[in-house]
Amino acid sequence: MFNRPNRNDVNDGVQDIQNDVSQLADSLEAVLKSWGSDAKDEADAARRKAQSLLRETRARMHGRTVAHQAARDAADCAYTFVRDRPWQSVGAAAAVGIFIGALLSLRR
């Protein structure tokens, strides 16, 4: 009636999570080390690597694809922007509406 996960599958999943956490810790350590250094390129590269690894790990932990997690992160950023700056969001929406209206009126 119920499908029980195979013990080997569970062990593989635990091992994957441990590897991901280990990589994240290493990446975070590199970011923290480069934070104090004067090499901006090194700090930026470490930060980009950490962000990429964090996105991939977060997606894998929630059972999503990387593209789905990226879309979710973008939606969260948009929600935060709209919540923090409601009037700027209304102005941007109005500008987009005027632009689309102008394009549609030129088409006729």
Protein backbone atom coordinates (compact mmCIF):
# COMPACT_ATOMS: atom_id res chain seq x y z
CA MET A 1 0.00 0.00 0.00
CA PHE A 2 2.70 2.46 0.98
CA ASN A 3 5.93 2.79 -0.94
CA ARG A 4 8.82 2.75 1.45
CA PRO A 5 12.04 4.33 0.27
CA ASN A 6 14.92 1.97 -0.22
CA ARG A 7 17.58 2.20 2.51
CA ASN A 8 20.29 2.77 -0.12
CA ASP A 9 18.32 5.65 -1.63
CA VAL A 10 18.01 7.28 1.78
CA ASN A 11 21.73 6.83 2.46
CA ASP A 12 22.56 8.33 -0.95
CA GLY A 13 20.30 11.29 -0.21
CA VAL A 14 21.95 11.86 3.16
CA GLN A 15 25.38 11.65 1.55
CA ASP A 16 24.34 14.19 -1.12
CA ILE A 17 23.11 16.60 1.55
CA GLN A 18 26.32 16.18 3.53
CA ASN A 19 28.39 16.88 0.41
CA ASP A 20 26.31 19.97 -0.38
CA VAL A 21 26.64 21.31 3.15
CA SER A 22 30.37 20.67 3.06
CA GLN A 23 30.71 22.54 -0.24
CA LEU A 24 28.65 25.42 1.12
CA ALA A 25 30.82 25.61 4.22
CA ASP A 26 33.98 25.64 2.09
CA SER A 27 32.52 28.31 -0.16
CA LEU A 28 31.44 30.42 2.80
CA GLU A 29 34.90 30.11 4.29
CA ALA A 30 36.43 31.34 1.02
CA VAL A 31 34.02 34.28 0.95
CA LEU A 32 34.86 35.21 4.53
CA LYS A 33 38.59 34.96 3.87
CA SER A 34 38.36 37.09 0.75
CA TRP A 35 36.11 39.63 2.48
CA GLY A 36 39.05 41.07 4.36
CA SER A 37 41.44 40.95 1.44
CA ASP A 38 42.01 43.79 -0.98
CA ALA A 39 41.56 41.57 -4.05
CA LYS A 40 38.12 42.58 -5.26
CA ASP A 41 38.15 40.09 -8.16
CA GLU A 42 38.85 37.24 -5.76
CA ALA A 43 36.05 38.32 -3.42
CA ASP A 44 33.57 38.69 -6.29
CA ALA A 45 34.43 35.27 -7.70
CA ALA A 46 34.04 33.63 -4.29
CA ARG A 47 30.71 35.39 -3.73
CA ARG A 48 29.37 34.33 -7.14
CA LYS A 49 30.44 30.73 -6.53
CA ALA A 50 28.77 30.73 -3.10
CA GLN A 51 25.54 32.17 -4.50
CA SER A 52 25.45 29.62 -7.31
CA LEU A 53 26.10 26.74 -4.96
CA LEU A 54 23.47 28.01 -2.53
CA ARG A 55 20.86 28.21 -5.32
CA GLU A 56 21.62 24.69 -6.50
CA THR A 57 21.55 23.25 -2.98
CA ARG A 58 18.33 25.04 -2.10
CA ALA A 59 16.71 23.74 -5.27
CA ARG A 60 17.85 20.18 -4.61
CA MET A 61 16.66 20.25 -0.99
CA HIS A 62 13.18 21.36 -2.03
CA GLY A 63 13.01 18.91 -4.94
CA ARG A 64 12.96 21.61 -7.61
CA THR A 65 15.00 22.22 -10.70
CA VAL A 66 17.54 25.02 -10.76
CA ALA A 67 15.39 26.99 -13.24
CA HIS A 68 12.32 26.63 -11.01
CA GLN A 69 14.30 27.82 -7.98
CA ALA A 70 15.69 30.79 -9.95
CA ALA A 71 12.16 31.79 -10.97
CA ARG A 72 11.03 31.46 -7.35
CA ASP A 73 13.95 33.62 -6.15
CA ALA A 74 13.12 36.28 -8.78
CA ALA A 75 9.48 36.30 -7.67
CA ASP A 76 10.58 36.70 -4.05
CA CYS A 77 12.80 39.64 -5.02
CA ALA A 78 9.94 41.27 -6.93
CA TYR A 79 7.59 40.78 -3.99
CA THR A 80 10.11 42.35 -1.61
CA PHE A 81 10.63 45.31 -3.97
CA VAL A 82 6.89 45.92 -4.29
CA ARG A 83 6.36 45.59 -0.54
CA ASP A 84 9.21 48.00 0.27
CA ARG A 85 8.43 50.57 -2.48
CA PRO A 86 4.72 50.49 -3.33
CA TRP A 87 4.52 53.90 -5.04
CA GLN A 88 7.53 53.25 -7.23
CA SER A 89 5.93 49.95 -8.22
CA VAL A 90 2.66 51.68 -9.14
CA GLY A 91 4.60 54.22 -11.22
CA ALA A 92 6.54 51.48 -13.02
CA ALA A 93 3.33 49.56 -13.74
CA ALA A 94 1.70 52.72 -15.09
CA ALA A 95 4.71 53.43 -17.32
CA VAL A 96 4.63 49.88 -18.71
CA GLY A 97 0.87 50.20 -19.32
CA ILE A 98 1.31 53.48 -21.20
CA PHE A 99 4.12 51.97 -23.27
CA ILE A 100 2.07 48.90 -24.22
CA GLY A 101 -0.94 51.11 -24.98
CA ALA A 102 1.17 53.27 -27.27
CA LEU A 103 2.50 50.21 -29.09
CA LEU A 104 -1.01 48.83 -29.55
CA SER A 105 -2.33 52.16 -30.85
CA LEU A 106 0.48 52.37 -33.43
CA ARG A 107 -0.33 48.91 -34.68
CA ARG A 108 -3.79 49.93 -35.95
